Amino acid sequence: MTATVQWIGLDEFKHELQQIPDDLATDGGGIVSDIANVAEYQVRASYPFRSGRLQRGVNLQENINRLTARDVLRSLAPHSHLYERGTGRRQNGRGANRGVMPATPTVVPIAMRLRQQMWAQLIALVRGKGFEVST
């Protein structure tokens, strides 16, 4: 007695499996890009407008391809670190007091909050494709 197995739909199943990386890359890249654009907007909006140099210094670099989705948000204004981290007591060359710049962390809190939202959306995307995700 010989046993045989017939799998109906194997070719379609293989085709669907091959499409998963492309679908995930496209949908996941969209999620990453959307969150990065929200972060860029929120950072620009939260910086005070004096000369506009802090806002103009916010730079978003997007890199999305078939295997990765990576967006990098940087504040390139030369004085952004003073705004973000603050300063101690400052004096000019003659010793005159110029005060203290209080720290106003902006980029990191916004990025941390939005990163959590991004991860939740990416996990939901992968679970929607039938995968198990444990955190």
N, C-alpha and C. Protein backbone atom coordinates (compact mmCIF):
# COMPACT_ATOMS: atom_id res chain seq x y z
N MET A 1 0.84 -1.16 0.00
CA MET A 1 0.00 0.00 0.00
C MET A 1 0.90 1.24 0.00
N THR A 2 0.64 2.16 -0.90
CA THR A 2 1.40 3.40 -0.97
C THR A 2 0.50 4.57 -0.57
N ALA A 3 1.14 5.52 0.08
CA ALA A 3 0.39 6.70 0.50
C ALA A 3 0.75 7.86 -0.41
N THR A 4 -0.19 8.64 -0.77
CA THR A 4 0.06 9.83 -1.58
C THR A 4 -0.61 11.03 -0.93
N VAL A 5 0.02 12.14 -1.15
CA VAL A 5 -0.53 13.40 -0.64
C VAL A 5 -0.69 14.34 -1.82
N GLN A 6 -1.83 14.92 -1.94
CA GLN A 6 -2.07 15.89 -2.99
C GLN A 6 -2.38 17.24 -2.33
N TRP A 7 -1.59 18.25 -2.65
CA TRP A 7 -1.77 19.58 -2.07
C TRP A 7 -2.32 20.48 -3.17
N ILE A 8 -3.56 20.82 -3.04
CA ILE A 8 -4.20 21.69 -4.01
C ILE A 8 -3.95 23.14 -3.58
N GLY A 9 -3.43 23.94 -4.49
CA GLY A 9 -3.18 25.34 -4.20
C GLY A 9 -1.75 25.63 -3.76
N LEU A 10 -0.84 24.68 -3.91
CA LEU A 10 0.54 24.89 -3.46
C LEU A 10 1.21 26.03 -4.23
N ASP A 11 0.98 26.09 -5.53
CA ASP A 11 1.59 27.16 -6.32
C ASP A 11 1.10 28.54 -5.87
N GLU A 12 -0.19 28.65 -5.59
CA GLU A 12 -0.75 29.91 -5.12
C GLU A 12 -0.18 30.26 -3.74
N PHE A 13 -0.02 29.24 -2.89
CA PHE A 13 0.54 29.45 -1.55
C PHE A 13 1.97 29.96 -1.65
N LYS A 14 2.78 29.36 -2.51
CA LYS A 14 4.16 29.81 -2.71
C LYS A 14 4.19 31.25 -3.21
N HIS A 15 3.30 31.56 -4.14
CA HIS A 15 3.24 32.92 -4.67
C HIS A 15 2.90 33.93 -3.56
N GLU A 16 1.93 33.59 -2.73
CA GLU A 16 1.56 34.49 -1.62
C GLU A 16 2.72 34.66 -0.64
N LEU A 17 3.45 33.59 -0.33
CA LEU A 17 4.60 33.69 0.56
C LEU A 17 5.67 34.60 -0.03
N GLN A 18 5.87 34.54 -1.33
CA GLN A 18 6.87 35.38 -1.97
C GLN A 18 6.47 36.85 -1.95
N GLN A 19 5.18 37.13 -1.89
CA GLN A 19 4.70 38.51 -1.90
C GLN A 19 4.78 39.17 -0.52
N ILE A 20 4.85 38.38 0.55
CA ILE A 20 4.84 38.95 1.90
C ILE A 20 5.95 39.96 2.12
N PRO A 21 7.21 39.67 1.76
CA PRO A 21 8.25 40.69 2.01
C PRO A 21 7.97 42.02 1.30
N ASP A 22 7.49 41.95 0.05
CA ASP A 22 7.19 43.18 -0.68
C ASP A 22 6.05 43.94 -0.02
N ASP A 23 5.00 43.23 0.38
CA ASP A 23 3.86 43.87 1.04
C ASP A 23 4.29 44.51 2.35
N LEU A 24 5.06 43.77 3.15
CA LEU A 24 5.51 44.31 4.42
C LEU A 24 6.43 45.50 4.23
N ALA A 25 7.32 45.44 3.26
CA ALA A 25 8.24 46.55 3.02
C ALA A 25 7.47 47.79 2.58
N THR A 26 6.50 47.62 1.71
CA THR A 26 5.72 48.77 1.24
C THR A 26 4.89 49.37 2.36
N ASP A 27 4.14 48.52 3.05
CA ASP A 27 3.27 49.02 4.13
C ASP A 27 4.10 49.52 5.31
N GLY A 28 5.14 48.79 5.68
CA GLY A 28 5.99 49.20 6.79
C GLY A 28 6.74 50.48 6.49
N GLY A 29 7.21 50.63 5.27
CA GLY A 29 7.89 51.86 4.88
C GLY A 29 6.96 53.06 4.97
N GLY A 30 5.71 52.84 4.62
CA GLY A 30 4.73 53.92 4.73
C GLY A 30 4.51 54.34 6.18
N ILE A 31 4.45 53.36 7.07
CA ILE A 31 4.27 53.66 8.50
C ILE A 31 5.46 54.46 9.02
N VAL A 32 6.67 53.99 8.72
CA VAL A 32 7.89 54.67 9.18
C VAL A 32 7.93 56.10 8.64
N SER A 33 7.64 56.26 7.37
CA SER A 33 7.67 57.58 6.75
C SER A 33 6.62 58.51 7.36
N ASP A 34 5.42 58.01 7.57
CA ASP A 34 4.36 58.84 8.16
C ASP A 34 4.74 59.32 9.55
N ILE A 35 5.24 58.41 10.38
CA ILE A 35 5.63 58.78 11.75
C ILE A 35 6.78 59.79 11.73
N ALA A 36 7.75 59.58 10.83
CA ALA A 36 8.88 60.51 10.75
C ALA A 36 8.42 61.90 10.33
N ASN A 37 7.48 61.98 9.42
CA ASN A 37 6.97 63.29 9.01
C ASN A 37 6.22 63.98 10.14
N VAL A 38 5.48 63.21 10.94
CA VAL A 38 4.80 63.78 12.11
C VAL A 38 5.85 64.30 13.10
N ALA A 39 6.91 63.52 13.31
CA ALA A 39 7.97 63.94 14.23
C ALA A 39 8.62 65.23 13.75
N GLU A 40 8.92 65.31 12.46
CA GLU A 40 9.53 66.52 11.92
C GLU A 40 8.62 67.73 12.16
N TYR A 41 7.34 67.58 11.88
CA TYR A 41 6.40 68.68 12.08
C TYR A 41 6.33 69.09 13.55
N GLN A 42 6.24 68.10 14.45
CA GLN A 42 6.12 68.41 15.87
C GLN A 42 7.37 69.08 16.43
N VAL A 43 8.55 68.64 15.98
CA VAL A 43 9.79 69.27 16.45
C VAL A 43 9.86 70.71 15.95
N ARG A 44 9.58 70.92 14.67
CA ARG A 44 9.60 72.29 14.14
C ARG A 44 8.61 73.18 14.89
N ALA A 45 7.42 72.65 15.15
CA ALA A 45 6.38 73.44 15.82
C ALA A 45 6.74 73.73 17.27
N SER A 46 7.50 72.87 17.91
CA SER A 46 7.80 73.06 19.32
C SER A 46 9.00 73.98 19.56
N TYR A 47 9.84 74.17 18.54
CA TYR A 47 10.96 75.10 18.69
C TYR A 47 10.42 76.52 18.68
N PRO A 48 10.98 77.40 19.52
CA PRO A 48 10.53 78.79 19.51
C PRO A 48 10.97 79.48 18.23
N PHE A 49 10.18 80.43 17.79
CA PHE A 49 10.55 81.16 16.58
C PHE A 49 11.16 82.50 16.98
N ARG A 50 12.44 82.60 16.82
CA ARG A 50 13.12 83.88 17.01
C ARG A 50 13.69 84.29 15.66
N SER A 51 14.69 83.56 15.23
CA SER A 51 15.26 83.83 13.91
C SER A 51 14.83 82.78 12.90
N GLY A 52 14.21 81.70 13.39
CA GLY A 52 13.82 80.62 12.49
C GLY A 52 14.92 79.62 12.22
N ARG A 53 16.10 79.85 12.79
CA ARG A 53 17.23 78.96 12.51
C ARG A 53 17.03 77.59 13.12
N LEU A 54 16.37 77.50 14.27
CA LEU A 54 16.12 76.19 14.86
C LEU A 54 15.18 75.38 13.96
N GLN A 55 14.11 76.01 13.49
CA GLN A 55 13.16 75.30 12.63
C GLN A 55 13.80 74.88 11.31
N ARG A 56 14.56 75.78 10.70
CA ARG A 56 15.20 75.45 9.41
C ARG A 56 16.27 74.38 9.57
N GLY A 57 16.81 74.22 10.77
CA GLY A 57 17.84 73.23 11.00
C GLY A 57 17.33 71.81 11.14
N VAL A 58 16.01 71.63 11.25
CA VAL A 58 15.45 70.28 11.38
C VAL A 58 15.51 69.61 10.01
N ASN A 59 16.13 68.44 9.97
CA ASN A 59 16.40 67.75 8.72
C ASN A 59 15.93 66.30 8.82
N LEU A 60 15.12 65.88 7.87
CA LEU A 60 14.62 64.50 7.81
C LEU A 60 15.21 63.81 6.60
N GLN A 61 15.92 62.70 6.83
CA GLN A 61 16.48 61.90 5.75
C GLN A 61 15.73 60.58 5.70
N GLU A 62 15.15 60.28 4.54
CA GLU A 62 14.40 59.04 4.38
C GLU A 62 15.19 58.05 3.55
N ASN A 63 15.16 56.79 3.98
CA ASN A 63 15.82 55.72 3.25
C ASN A 63 14.91 54.50 3.33
N ILE A 64 14.13 54.30 2.29
CA ILE A 64 13.18 53.18 2.26
C ILE A 64 13.48 52.36 1.01
N ASN A 65 13.71 51.06 1.21
CA ASN A 65 13.90 50.17 0.08
C ASN A 65 13.22 48.84 0.39
N ARG A 66 13.50 47.82 -0.39
CA ARG A 66 12.81 46.54 -0.25
C ARG A 66 13.09 45.87 1.10
N LEU A 67 14.25 46.13 1.70
CA LEU A 67 14.62 45.43 2.92
C LEU A 67 14.55 46.29 4.17
N THR A 68 14.66 47.59 4.03
CA THR A 68 14.70 48.44 5.22
C THR A 68 13.86 49.69 5.03
N ALA A 69 13.44 50.22 6.14
CA ALA A 69 12.77 51.53 6.17
C ALA A 69 13.40 52.29 7.33
N ARG A 70 14.14 53.33 6.98
CA ARG A 70 14.87 54.06 8.02
C ARG A 70 14.77 55.55 7.73
N ASP A 71 14.25 56.28 8.69
CA ASP A 71 14.21 57.73 8.60
C ASP A 71 15.02 58.29 9.76
N VAL A 72 15.82 59.31 9.48
CA VAL A 72 16.66 59.92 10.51
C VAL A 72 16.27 61.39 10.60
N LEU A 73 15.87 61.80 11.79
CA LEU A 73 15.51 63.19 12.05
C LEU A 73 16.60 63.82 12.89
N ARG A 74 17.19 64.90 12.37
CA ARG A 74 18.27 65.57 13.08
C ARG A 74 17.98 67.05 13.17
N SER A 75 18.48 67.64 14.22
CA SER A 75 18.46 69.09 14.35
C SER A 75 19.86 69.58 14.05
N LEU A 76 20.04 70.19 12.89
CA LEU A 76 21.37 70.58 12.42
C LEU A 76 21.71 72.04 12.71
N ALA A 77 20.83 72.77 13.36
CA ALA A 77 21.15 74.15 13.73
C ALA A 77 22.35 74.12 14.67
N PRO A 78 23.32 74.99 14.46
CA PRO A 78 24.55 74.92 15.26
C PRO A 78 24.33 75.18 16.75
N HIS A 79 23.23 75.78 17.11
CA HIS A 79 22.98 76.08 18.52
C HIS A 79 21.85 75.23 19.12
N SER A 80 21.40 74.20 18.39
CA SER A 80 20.28 73.39 18.88
C SER A 80 20.63 72.68 20.19
N HIS A 81 21.90 72.30 20.35
CA HIS A 81 22.30 71.62 21.59
C HIS A 81 22.13 72.53 22.80
N LEU A 82 22.31 73.83 22.62
CA LEU A 82 22.13 74.77 23.73
C LEU A 82 20.66 74.81 24.15
N TYR A 83 19.77 74.79 23.17
CA TYR A 83 18.34 74.81 23.46
C TYR A 83 17.90 73.49 24.10
N GLU A 84 18.37 72.37 23.54
CA GLU A 84 17.95 71.05 24.02
C GLU A 84 18.52 70.72 25.41
N ARG A 85 19.81 70.98 25.62
CA ARG A 85 20.47 70.57 26.86
C ARG A 85 20.64 71.69 27.87
N GLY A 86 20.51 72.94 27.42
CA GLY A 86 20.68 74.07 28.33
C GLY A 86 22.16 74.34 28.57
N THR A 87 22.42 75.36 29.41
CA THR A 87 23.80 75.70 29.74
C THR A 87 23.89 76.00 31.23
N GLY A 88 25.08 76.01 31.72
CA GLY A 88 25.33 76.49 33.07
C GLY A 88 25.42 78.01 33.03
N ARG A 89 25.92 78.58 34.10
CA ARG A 89 26.09 80.03 34.16
C ARG A 89 27.15 80.43 33.14
N ARG A 90 26.83 81.46 32.34
CA ARG A 90 27.75 81.91 31.28
C ARG A 90 28.23 83.32 31.56
N GLN A 91 29.44 83.57 31.10
CA GLN A 91 30.02 84.92 31.21
C GLN A 91 30.69 85.27 29.89
N ASN A 92 30.75 86.57 29.60
CA ASN A 92 31.48 86.97 28.40
C ASN A 92 32.97 87.10 28.75
N GLY A 93 33.77 87.56 27.81
CA GLY A 93 35.21 87.68 28.01
C GLY A 93 35.60 88.62 29.14
N ARG A 94 34.76 89.57 29.44
CA ARG A 94 35.05 90.53 30.51
C ARG A 94 34.47 90.10 31.84
N GLY A 95 33.85 88.95 31.88
CA GLY A 95 33.32 88.43 33.13
C GLY A 95 31.88 88.82 33.44
N ALA A 96 31.22 89.50 32.51
CA ALA A 96 29.83 89.90 32.73
C ALA A 96 28.92 88.67 32.63
N ASN A 97 27.99 88.60 33.56
CA ASN A 97 27.09 87.46 33.61
C ASN A 97 26.12 87.49 32.43
N ARG A 98 25.99 86.37 31.73
CA ARG A 98 25.06 86.24 30.60
C ARG A 98 23.92 85.27 30.91
N GLY A 99 23.86 84.82 32.14
CA GLY A 99 22.72 84.00 32.57
C GLY A 99 22.85 82.53 32.25
N VAL A 100 21.76 81.85 32.52
CA VAL A 100 21.68 80.40 32.33
C VAL A 100 20.60 80.12 31.29
N MET A 101 20.90 79.22 30.37
CA MET A 101 19.89 78.78 29.40
C MET A 101 19.29 77.49 29.93
N PRO A 102 18.01 77.49 30.31
CA PRO A 102 17.42 76.26 30.83
C PRO A 102 17.28 75.22 29.72
N ALA A 103 17.42 73.96 30.09
CA ALA A 103 17.25 72.87 29.13
C ALA A 103 15.78 72.76 28.73
N THR A 104 15.54 72.58 27.44
CA THR A 104 14.20 72.38 26.91
C THR A 104 14.23 71.18 25.98
N PRO A 105 14.29 69.97 26.54
CA PRO A 105 14.36 68.79 25.68
C PRO A 105 13.14 68.72 24.76
N THR A 106 13.39 68.62 23.48
CA THR A 106 12.32 68.62 22.50
C THR A 106 12.37 67.37 21.62
N VAL A 107 13.50 67.16 20.96
CA VAL A 107 13.60 66.08 19.97
C VAL A 107 13.43 64.72 20.62
N VAL A 108 14.14 64.45 21.70
CA VAL A 108 14.11 63.12 22.30
C VAL A 108 12.73 62.74 22.82
N PRO A 109 12.03 63.59 23.59
CA PRO A 109 10.69 63.19 24.05
C PRO A 109 9.70 62.94 22.90
N ILE A 110 9.76 63.78 21.88
CA ILE A 110 8.87 63.59 20.73
C ILE A 110 9.22 62.28 20.03
N ALA A 111 10.51 62.04 19.81
CA ALA A 111 10.93 60.82 19.12
C ALA A 111 10.55 59.57 19.92
N MET A 112 10.73 59.62 21.23
CA MET A 112 10.39 58.44 22.05
C MET A 112 8.90 58.13 22.00
N ARG A 113 8.07 59.16 22.10
CA ARG A 113 6.63 58.95 22.07
C ARG A 113 6.17 58.40 20.70
N LEU A 114 6.66 59.01 19.63
CA LEU A 114 6.25 58.57 18.30
C LEU A 114 6.85 57.22 17.92
N ARG A 115 8.02 56.90 18.46
CA ARG A 115 8.60 55.59 18.19
C ARG A 115 7.71 54.48 18.75
N GLN A 116 7.14 54.72 19.93
CA GLN A 116 6.22 53.74 20.50
C GLN A 116 4.99 53.55 19.60
N GLN A 117 4.47 54.64 19.06
CA GLN A 117 3.34 54.54 18.15
C GLN A 117 3.72 53.78 16.88
N MET A 118 4.93 54.06 16.37
CA MET A 118 5.39 53.37 15.17
C MET A 118 5.51 51.87 15.39
N TRP A 119 6.13 51.47 16.53
CA TRP A 119 6.27 50.05 16.83
C TRP A 119 4.91 49.38 16.93
N ALA A 120 3.96 50.04 17.57
CA ALA A 120 2.62 49.46 17.70
C ALA A 120 1.98 49.24 16.33
N GLN A 121 2.15 50.21 15.43
CA GLN A 121 1.58 50.07 14.09
C GLN A 121 2.30 48.99 13.29
N LEU A 122 3.62 48.89 13.43
CA LEU A 122 4.37 47.86 12.71
C LEU A 122 4.01 46.46 13.22
N ILE A 123 3.85 46.33 14.54
CA ILE A 123 3.46 45.04 15.11
C ILE A 123 2.07 44.65 14.61
N ALA A 124 1.15 45.61 14.57
CA ALA A 124 -0.19 45.32 14.07
C ALA A 124 -0.14 44.90 12.59
N LEU A 125 0.73 45.52 11.82
CA LEU A 125 0.88 45.16 10.41
C LEU A 125 1.34 43.72 10.26
N VAL A 126 2.37 43.34 11.01
CA VAL A 126 2.93 41.99 10.91
C VAL A 126 1.91 40.96 11.42
N ARG A 127 1.24 41.28 12.52
CA ARG A 127 0.19 40.36 13.02
C ARG A 127 -0.93 40.23 12.01
N GLY A 128 -1.25 41.30 11.30
CA GLY A 128 -2.29 41.25 10.29
C GLY A 128 -1.94 40.32 9.12
N LYS A 129 -0.67 40.06 8.95
CA LYS A 129 -0.23 39.12 7.89
C LYS A 129 -0.20 37.68 8.41
N GLY A 130 -0.62 37.50 9.67
CA GLY A 130 -0.70 36.15 10.23
C GLY A 130 0.48 35.70 11.05
N PHE A 131 1.41 36.59 11.31
CA PHE A 131 2.58 36.23 12.10
C PHE A 131 2.31 36.49 13.59
N GLU A 132 3.02 35.75 14.42
CA GLU A 132 2.96 35.98 15.86
C GLU A 132 4.08 36.94 16.22
N VAL A 133 3.77 37.90 17.09
CA VAL A 133 4.76 38.86 17.55
C VAL A 133 4.71 38.89 19.05
N SER A 134 5.87 38.69 19.68
CA SER A 134 5.91 38.81 21.14
C SER A 134 6.81 39.98 21.49
N THR A 135 6.40 40.72 22.49
CA THR A 135 7.19 41.90 22.88
C THR A 135 7.68 41.73 24.30
